Amino acid sequence: FGDDLERIARANQENLKVHGDWVVLPPVVIDVATGRFGTDAAGGLYIAMGRTWHPIETVVYSPDGSREVLFRDPQA
């Protein structure tokens, strides 16, 4: 189309890619490839910390390389 809406959409998509996908994807791939994530029979998500598996909701990956693990209540 080549109109203003398309230009804005393309710019926003590029911004999401650079500041989203490029930030999150590499450390997620590393964590998955090294076996840090697992699931139980009910589909609950777990993260390995040392030799112990902990129930989690998610992991927030930040541009500075840090990770914030959001733990799940194991009784939930």
PDB file of N, CA and C in Angstrom:
ATOM      1  N   PHE A   1       0.817  -1.197   0.000  1.00  0.00           N
ATOM      2  CA  PHE A   1       0.000   0.000   0.000  1.00  0.00           C
ATOM      3  C   PHE A   1       0.853   1.251   0.000  1.00  0.00           C
ATOM      4  N   GLY A   2       1.908   1.261   0.799  1.00  0.00           N
ATOM      5  CA  GLY A   2       2.811   2.399   0.799  1.00  0.00           C
ATOM      6  C   GLY A   2       2.285   3.634   1.496  1.00  0.00           C
ATOM      7  N   ASP A   3       1.230   3.503   2.290  1.00  0.00           N
ATOM      8  CA  ASP A   3       0.672   4.673   2.963  1.00  0.00           C
ATOM      9  C   ASP A   3       1.290   4.847   4.358  1.00  0.00           C
ATOM     10  N   ASP A   4       0.835   5.890   5.056  1.00  0.00           N
ATOM     11  CA  ASP A   4       1.368   6.179   6.391  1.00  0.00           C
ATOM     12  C   ASP A   4       1.130   5.025   7.364  1.00  0.00           C
ATOM     13  N   LEU A   5      -0.039   4.420   7.295  1.00  0.00           N
ATOM     14  CA  LEU A   5      -0.355   3.315   8.196  1.00  0.00           C
ATOM     15  C   LEU A   5       0.625   2.154   8.009  1.00  0.00           C
ATOM     16  N   GLU A   6       0.944   1.837   6.768  1.00  0.00           N
ATOM     17  CA  GLU A   6       1.895   0.752   6.511  1.00  0.00           C
ATOM     18  C   GLU A   6       3.285   1.113   7.041  1.00  0.00           C
ATOM     19  N   ARG A   7       3.712   2.337   6.839  1.00  0.00           N
ATOM     20  CA  ARG A   7       5.028   2.758   7.330  1.00  0.00           C
ATOM     21  C   ARG A   7       5.094   2.679   8.859  1.00  0.00           C
ATOM     22  N   ILE A   8       4.036   3.116   9.521  1.00  0.00           N
ATOM     23  CA  ILE A   8       3.992   3.050  10.985  1.00  0.00           C
ATOM     24  C   ILE A   8       3.994   1.598  11.448  1.00  0.00           C
ATOM     25  N   ALA A   9       3.204   0.763  10.792  1.00  0.00           N
ATOM     26  CA  ALA A   9       3.143  -0.658  11.157  1.00  0.00           C
ATOM     27  C   ALA A   9       4.501  -1.325  10.977  1.00  0.00           C
ATOM     28  N   ARG A  10       5.177  -1.036   9.878  1.00  0.00           N
ATOM     29  CA  ARG A  10       6.506  -1.623   9.645  1.00  0.00           C
ATOM     30  C   ARG A  10       7.514  -1.155  10.698  1.00  0.00           C
ATOM     31  N   ALA A  11       7.466   0.121  11.046  1.00  0.00           N
ATOM     32  CA  ALA A  11       8.379   0.654  12.066  1.00  0.00           C
ATOM     33  C   ALA A  11       8.103   0.005  13.423  1.00  0.00           C
ATOM     34  N   ASN A  12       6.830  -0.150  13.761  1.00  0.00           N
ATOM     35  CA  ASN A  12       6.476  -0.795  15.028  1.00  0.00           C
ATOM     36  C   ASN A  12       6.902  -2.257  15.043  1.00  0.00           C
ATOM     37  N   GLN A  13       6.720  -2.952  13.937  1.00  0.00           N
ATOM     38  CA  GLN A  13       7.124  -4.355  13.850  1.00  0.00           C
ATOM     39  C   GLN A  13       8.638  -4.491  14.024  1.00  0.00           C
ATOM     40  N   GLU A  14       9.391  -3.614  13.407  1.00  0.00           N
ATOM     41  CA  GLU A  14      10.852  -3.645  13.541  1.00  0.00           C
ATOM     42  C   GLU A  14      11.265  -3.362  14.988  1.00  0.00           C
ATOM     43  N   ASN A  15      10.601  -2.400  15.618  1.00  0.00           N
ATOM     44  CA  ASN A  15      10.888  -2.065  17.010  1.00  0.00           C
ATOM     45  C   ASN A  15      10.603  -3.257  17.928  1.00  0.00           C
ATOM     46  N   LEU A  16       9.487  -3.942  17.705  1.00  0.00           N
ATOM     47  CA  LEU A  16       9.163  -5.136  18.492  1.00  0.00           C
ATOM     48  C   LEU A  16      10.204  -6.229  18.287  1.00  0.00           C
ATOM     49  N   LYS A  17      10.666  -6.385  17.068  1.00  0.00           N
ATOM     50  CA  LYS A  17      11.667  -7.411  16.766  1.00  0.00           C
ATOM     51  C   LYS A  17      12.976  -7.118  17.492  1.00  0.00           C
ATOM     52  N   VAL A  18      13.466  -5.904  17.353  1.00  0.00           N
ATOM     53  CA  VAL A  18      14.767  -5.544  17.915  1.00  0.00           C
ATOM     54  C   VAL A  18      14.738  -5.514  19.443  1.00  0.00           C
ATOM     55  N   HIS A  19      13.673  -4.968  20.018  1.00  0.00           N
ATOM     56  CA  HIS A  19      13.617  -4.801  21.475  1.00  0.00           C
ATOM     57  C   HIS A  19      12.826  -5.903  22.164  1.00  0.00           C
ATOM     58  N   GLY A  20      12.302  -6.833  21.413  1.00  0.00           N
ATOM     59  CA  GLY A  20      11.549  -7.953  21.974  1.00  0.00           C
ATOM     60  C   GLY A  20      12.183  -9.273  21.626  1.00  0.00           C
ATOM     61  N   ASP A  21      11.974  -9.713  20.396  1.00  0.00           N
ATOM     62  CA  ASP A  21      12.472 -11.024  19.961  1.00  0.00           C
ATOM     63  C   ASP A  21      13.974 -11.163  20.144  1.00  0.00           C
ATOM     64  N   TRP A  22      14.725 -10.148  19.779  1.00  0.00           N
ATOM     65  CA  TRP A  22      16.187 -10.249  19.851  1.00  0.00           C
ATOM     66  C   TRP A  22      16.680 -10.262  21.296  1.00  0.00           C
ATOM     67  N   VAL A  23      15.870  -9.740  22.214  1.00  0.00           N
ATOM     68  CA  VAL A  23      16.222  -9.745  23.637  1.00  0.00           C
ATOM     69  C   VAL A  23      15.846 -11.079  24.271  1.00  0.00           C
ATOM     70  N   VAL A  24      14.644 -11.558  23.982  1.00  0.00           N
ATOM     71  CA  VAL A  24      14.086 -12.725  24.659  1.00  0.00           C
ATOM     72  C   VAL A  24      14.548 -14.047  24.053  1.00  0.00           C
ATOM     73  N   LEU A  25      14.555 -14.157  22.751  1.00  0.00           N
ATOM     74  CA  LEU A  25      14.791 -15.457  22.111  1.00  0.00           C
ATOM     75  C   LEU A  25      16.134 -16.103  22.455  1.00  0.00           C
ATOM     76  N   PRO A  26      17.270 -15.415  22.364  1.00  0.00           N
ATOM     77  CA  PRO A  26      18.541 -16.104  22.642  1.00  0.00           C
ATOM     78  C   PRO A  26      18.626 -16.735  24.036  1.00  0.00           C
ATOM     79  N   PRO A  27      18.293 -16.012  25.127  1.00  0.00           N
ATOM     80  CA  PRO A  27      18.393 -16.675  26.427  1.00  0.00           C
ATOM     81  C   PRO A  27      17.354 -17.769  26.630  1.00  0.00           C
ATOM     82  N   VAL A  28      16.178 -17.632  26.021  1.00  0.00           N
ATOM     83  CA  VAL A  28      15.169 -18.693  26.125  1.00  0.00           C
ATOM     84  C   VAL A  28      15.683 -19.954  25.447  1.00  0.00           C
ATOM     85  N   VAL A  29      16.252 -19.812  24.264  1.00  0.00           N
ATOM     86  CA  VAL A  29      16.794 -20.972  23.545  1.00  0.00           C
ATOM     87  C   VAL A  29      17.893 -21.638  24.372  1.00  0.00           C
ATOM     88  N   ILE A  30      18.753 -20.845  24.974  1.00  0.00           N
ATOM     89  CA  ILE A  30      19.817 -21.408  25.819  1.00  0.00           C
ATOM     90  C   ILE A  30      19.217 -22.160  27.000  1.00  0.00           C
ATOM     91  N   ASP A  31      18.229 -21.570  27.668  1.00  0.00           N
ATOM     92  CA  ASP A  31      17.609 -22.229  28.818  1.00  0.00           C
ATOM     93  C   ASP A  31      16.914 -23.530  28.417  1.00  0.00           C
ATOM     94  N   VAL A  32      16.229 -23.529  27.291  1.00  0.00           N
ATOM     95  CA  VAL A  32      15.562 -24.751  26.817  1.00  0.00           C
ATOM     96  C   VAL A  32      16.600 -25.799  26.419  1.00  0.00           C
ATOM     97  N   ALA A  33      17.607 -25.384  25.670  1.00  0.00           N
ATOM     98  CA  ALA A  33      18.620 -26.326  25.175  1.00  0.00           C
ATOM     99  C   ALA A  33      19.430 -26.956  26.302  1.00  0.00           C
ATOM    100  N   THR A  34      19.605 -26.237  27.394  1.00  0.00           N
ATOM    101  CA  THR A  34      20.377 -26.779  28.514  1.00  0.00           C
ATOM    102  C   THR A  34      19.507 -27.526  29.517  1.00  0.00           C
ATOM    103  N   GLY A  35      18.228 -27.685  29.194  1.00  0.00           N
ATOM    104  CA  GLY A  35      17.340 -28.484  30.031  1.00  0.00           C
ATOM    105  C   GLY A  35      16.875 -27.817  31.308  1.00  0.00           C
ATOM    106  N   ARG A  36      16.816 -26.500  31.317  1.00  0.00           N
ATOM    107  CA  ARG A  36      16.396 -25.789  32.536  1.00  0.00           C
ATOM    108  C   ARG A  36      14.900 -25.809  32.754  1.00  0.00           C
ATOM    109  N   PHE A  37      14.110 -26.099  31.702  1.00  0.00           N
ATOM    110  CA  PHE A  37      12.659 -26.118  31.837  1.00  0.00           C
ATOM    111  C   PHE A  37      12.128 -27.528  31.733  1.00  0.00           C
ATOM    112  N   GLY A  38      11.055 -27.783  32.452  1.00  0.00           N
ATOM    113  CA  GLY A  38      10.378 -29.065  32.374  1.00  0.00           C
ATOM    114  C   GLY A  38       8.904 -28.869  32.684  1.00  0.00           C
ATOM    115  N   THR A  39       8.120 -29.887  32.411  1.00  0.00           N
ATOM    116  CA  THR A  39       6.692 -29.849  32.713  1.00  0.00           C
ATOM    117  C   THR A  39       6.296 -31.116  33.455  1.00  0.00           C
ATOM    118  N   ASP A  40       5.172 -31.026  34.163  1.00  0.00           N
ATOM    119  CA  ASP A  40       4.638 -32.210  34.819  1.00  0.00           C
ATOM    120  C   ASP A  40       3.486 -32.761  33.983  1.00  0.00           C
ATOM    121  N   ALA A  41       2.861 -33.820  34.446  1.00  0.00           N
ATOM    122  CA  ALA A  41       1.786 -34.473  33.690  1.00  0.00           C
ATOM    123  C   ALA A  41       0.592 -33.557  33.460  1.00  0.00           C
ATOM    124  N   ALA A  42       0.402 -32.590  34.347  1.00  0.00           N
ATOM    125  CA  ALA A  42      -0.716 -31.655  34.214  1.00  0.00           C
ATOM    126  C   ALA A  42      -0.361 -30.436  33.371  1.00  0.00           C
ATOM    127  N   GLY A  43       0.870 -30.357  32.890  1.00  0.00           N
ATOM    128  CA  GLY A  43       1.288 -29.229  32.062  1.00  0.00           C
ATOM    129  C   GLY A  43       1.891 -28.079  32.838  1.00  0.00           C
ATOM    130  N   GLY A  44       2.131 -28.272  34.138  1.00  0.00           N
ATOM    131  CA  GLY A  44       2.760 -27.227  34.943  1.00  0.00           C
ATOM    132  C   GLY A  44       4.209 -27.026  34.525  1.00  0.00           C
ATOM    133  N   LEU A  45       4.652 -25.775  34.550  1.00  0.00           N
ATOM    134  CA  LEU A  45       6.006 -25.423  34.130  1.00  0.00           C
ATOM    135  C   LEU A  45       6.945 -25.416  35.330  1.00  0.00           C
ATOM    136  N   TYR A  46       8.155 -25.961  35.141  1.00  0.00           N
ATOM    137  CA  TYR A  46       9.165 -26.035  36.192  1.00  0.00           C
ATOM    138  C   TYR A  46      10.495 -25.532  35.654  1.00  0.00           C
ATOM    139  N   ILE A  47      11.323 -25.019  36.585  1.00  0.00           N
ATOM    140  CA  ILE A  47      12.679 -24.617  36.244  1.00  0.00           C
ATOM    141  C   ILE A  47      13.643 -25.356  37.169  1.00  0.00           C
ATOM    142  N   ALA A  48      14.726 -25.821  36.595  1.00  0.00           N
ATOM    143  CA  ALA A  48      15.757 -26.498  37.374  1.00  0.00           C
ATOM    144  C   ALA A  48      16.702 -25.465  37.956  1.00  0.00           C
ATOM    145  N   MET A  49      16.904 -25.564  39.260  1.00  0.00           N
ATOM    146  CA  MET A  49      17.862 -24.710  39.963  1.00  0.00           C
ATOM    147  C   MET A  49      18.722 -25.657  40.777  1.00  0.00           C
ATOM    148  N   GLY A  50      19.923 -25.870  40.283  1.00  0.00           N
ATOM    149  CA  GLY A  50      20.759 -26.905  40.876  1.00  0.00           C
ATOM    150  C   GLY A  50      20.149 -28.259  40.552  1.00  0.00           C
ATOM    151  N   ARG A  51      19.925 -29.055  41.567  1.00  0.00           N
ATOM    152  CA  ARG A  51      19.334 -30.386  41.369  1.00  0.00           C
ATOM    153  C   ARG A  51      17.849 -30.414  41.706  1.00  0.00           C
ATOM    154  N   THR A  52      17.266 -29.249  41.967  1.00  0.00           N
ATOM    155  CA  THR A  52      15.873 -29.175  42.389  1.00  0.00           C
ATOM    156  C   THR A  52      15.024 -28.493  41.324  1.00  0.00           C
ATOM    157  N   TRP A  53      13.823 -29.032  41.100  1.00  0.00           N
ATOM    158  CA  TRP A  53      12.861 -28.449  40.171  1.00  0.00           C
ATOM    159  C   TRP A  53      11.872 -27.610  40.967  1.00  0.00           C
ATOM    160  N   HIS A  54      11.623 -26.387  40.485  1.00  0.00           N
ATOM    161  CA  HIS A  54      10.724 -25.458  41.159  1.00  0.00           C
ATOM    162  C   HIS A  54       9.569 -25.099  40.228  1.00  0.00           C
ATOM    163  N   PRO A  55       8.319 -25.090  40.748  1.00  0.00           N
ATOM    164  CA  PRO A  55       7.177 -24.701  39.923  1.00  0.00           C
ATOM    165  C   PRO A  55       7.199 -23.192  39.659  1.00  0.00           C
ATOM    166  N   ILE A  56       7.009 -22.823  38.404  1.00  0.00           N
ATOM    167  CA  ILE A  56       7.034 -21.403  38.040  1.00  0.00           C
ATOM    168  C   ILE A  56       5.834 -21.045  37.174  1.00  0.00           C
ATOM    169  N   GLU A  57       5.539 -19.756  37.154  1.00  0.00           N
ATOM    170  CA  GLU A  57       4.542 -19.209  36.229  1.00  0.00           C
ATOM    171  C   GLU A  57       5.225 -18.861  34.912  1.00  0.00           C
ATOM    172  N   THR A  58       6.360 -18.148  35.017  1.00  0.00           N
ATOM    173  CA  THR A  58       7.090 -17.718  33.825  1.00  0.00           C
ATOM    174  C   THR A  58       8.469 -17.203  34.235  1.00  0.00           C
ATOM    175  N   VAL A  59       9.247 -16.859  33.240  1.00  0.00           N
ATOM    176  CA  VAL A  59      10.528 -16.187  33.457  1.00  0.00           C
ATOM    177  C   VAL A  59      10.508 -14.917  32.618  1.00  0.00           C
ATOM    178  N   VAL A  60      10.846 -13.792  33.240  1.00  0.00           N
ATOM    179  CA  VAL A  60      10.906 -12.514  32.539  1.00  0.00           C
ATOM    180  C   VAL A  60      12.366 -12.253  32.185  1.00  0.00           C
ATOM    181  N   TYR A  61      12.646 -12.151  30.899  1.00  0.00           N
ATOM    182  CA  TYR A  61      14.001 -11.898  30.401  1.00  0.00           C
ATOM    183  C   TYR A  61      14.134 -10.407  30.106  1.00  0.00           C
ATOM    184  N   SER A  62      15.197  -9.786  30.616  1.00  0.00           N
ATOM    185  CA  SER A  62      15.402  -8.344  30.459  1.00  0.00           C
ATOM    186  C   SER A  62      16.538  -8.045  29.490  1.00  0.00           C
ATOM    187  N   PRO A  63      16.525  -6.841  28.902  1.00  0.00           N
ATOM    188  CA  PRO A  63      17.576  -6.459  27.955  1.00  0.00           C
ATOM    189  C   PRO A  63      18.983  -6.508  28.547  1.00  0.00           C
ATOM    190  N   ASP A  64      19.110  -6.339  29.868  1.00  0.00           N
ATOM    191  CA  ASP A  64      20.439  -6.367  30.489  1.00  0.00           C
ATOM    192  C   ASP A  64      20.951  -7.788  30.721  1.00  0.00           C
ATOM    193  N   GLY A  65      20.167  -8.784  30.299  1.00  0.00           N
ATOM    194  CA  GLY A  65      20.576 -10.175  30.444  1.00  0.00           C
ATOM    195  C   GLY A  65      20.085 -10.843  31.713  1.00  0.00           C
ATOM    196  N   SER A  66      19.443 -10.070  32.575  1.00  0.00           N
ATOM    197  CA  SER A  66      18.935 -10.664  33.812  1.00  0.00           C
ATOM    198  C   SER A  66      17.639 -11.427  33.550  1.00  0.00           C
ATOM    199  N   ARG A  67      17.343 -12.334  34.471  1.00  0.00           N
ATOM    200  CA  ARG A  67      16.124 -13.128  34.405  1.00  0.00           C
ATOM    201  C   ARG A  67      15.400 -13.001  35.738  1.00  0.00           C
ATOM    202  N   GLU A  68      14.101 -12.800  35.684  1.00  0.00           N
ATOM    203  CA  GLU A  68      13.284 -12.797  36.891  1.00  0.00           C
ATOM    204  C   GLU A  68      12.363 -14.006  36.821  1.00  0.00           C
ATOM    205  N   VAL A  69      12.550 -14.940  37.742  1.00  0.00           N
ATOM    206  CA  VAL A  69      11.721 -16.139  37.782  1.00  0.00           C
ATOM    207  C   VAL A  69      10.501 -15.837  38.639  1.00  0.00           C
ATOM    208  N   LEU A  70       9.311 -16.034  38.066  1.00  0.00           N
ATOM    209  CA  LEU A  70       8.070 -15.836  38.808  1.00  0.00           C
ATOM    210  C   LEU A  70       7.563 -17.206  39.238  1.00  0.00           C
ATOM    211  N   PHE A  71       7.706 -17.488  40.528  1.00  0.00           N
ATOM    212  CA  PHE A  71       7.372 -18.801  41.059  1.00  0.00           C
ATOM    213  C   PHE A  71       5.869 -18.975  41.202  1.00  0.00           C
ATOM    214  N   ARG A  72       5.447 -20.220  41.078  1.00  0.00           N
ATOM    215  CA  ARG A  72       4.045 -20.600  41.219  1.00  0.00           C
ATOM    216  C   ARG A  72       3.883 -21.251  42.584  1.00  0.00           C
ATOM    217  N   ASP A  73       2.734 -21.048  43.195  1.00  0.00           N
ATOM    218  CA  ASP A  73       2.425 -21.722  44.451  1.00  0.00           C
ATOM    219  C   ASP A  73       2.268 -23.210  44.158  1.00  0.00           C
ATOM    220  N   PRO A  74       3.092 -24.062  44.758  1.00  0.00           N
ATOM    221  CA  PRO A  74       3.017 -25.494  44.445  1.00  0.00           C
ATOM    222  C   PRO A  74       1.696 -26.126  44.860  1.00  0.00           C
ATOM    223  N   GLN A  75       0.943 -25.457  45.731  1.00  0.00           N
ATOM    224  CA  GLN A  75      -0.358 -25.978  46.159  1.00  0.00           C
ATOM    225  C   GLN A  75      -1.484 -25.575  45.210  1.00  0.00           C
ATOM    226  N   ALA A  76      -1.196 -24.673  44.282  1.00  0.00           N
ATOM    227  CA  ALA A  76      -2.240 -24.168  43.366  1.00  0.00           C
ATOM    228  C   ALA A  76      -2.576 -25.174  42.295  1.00  0.00           C
TER     229      ALA A  76
END
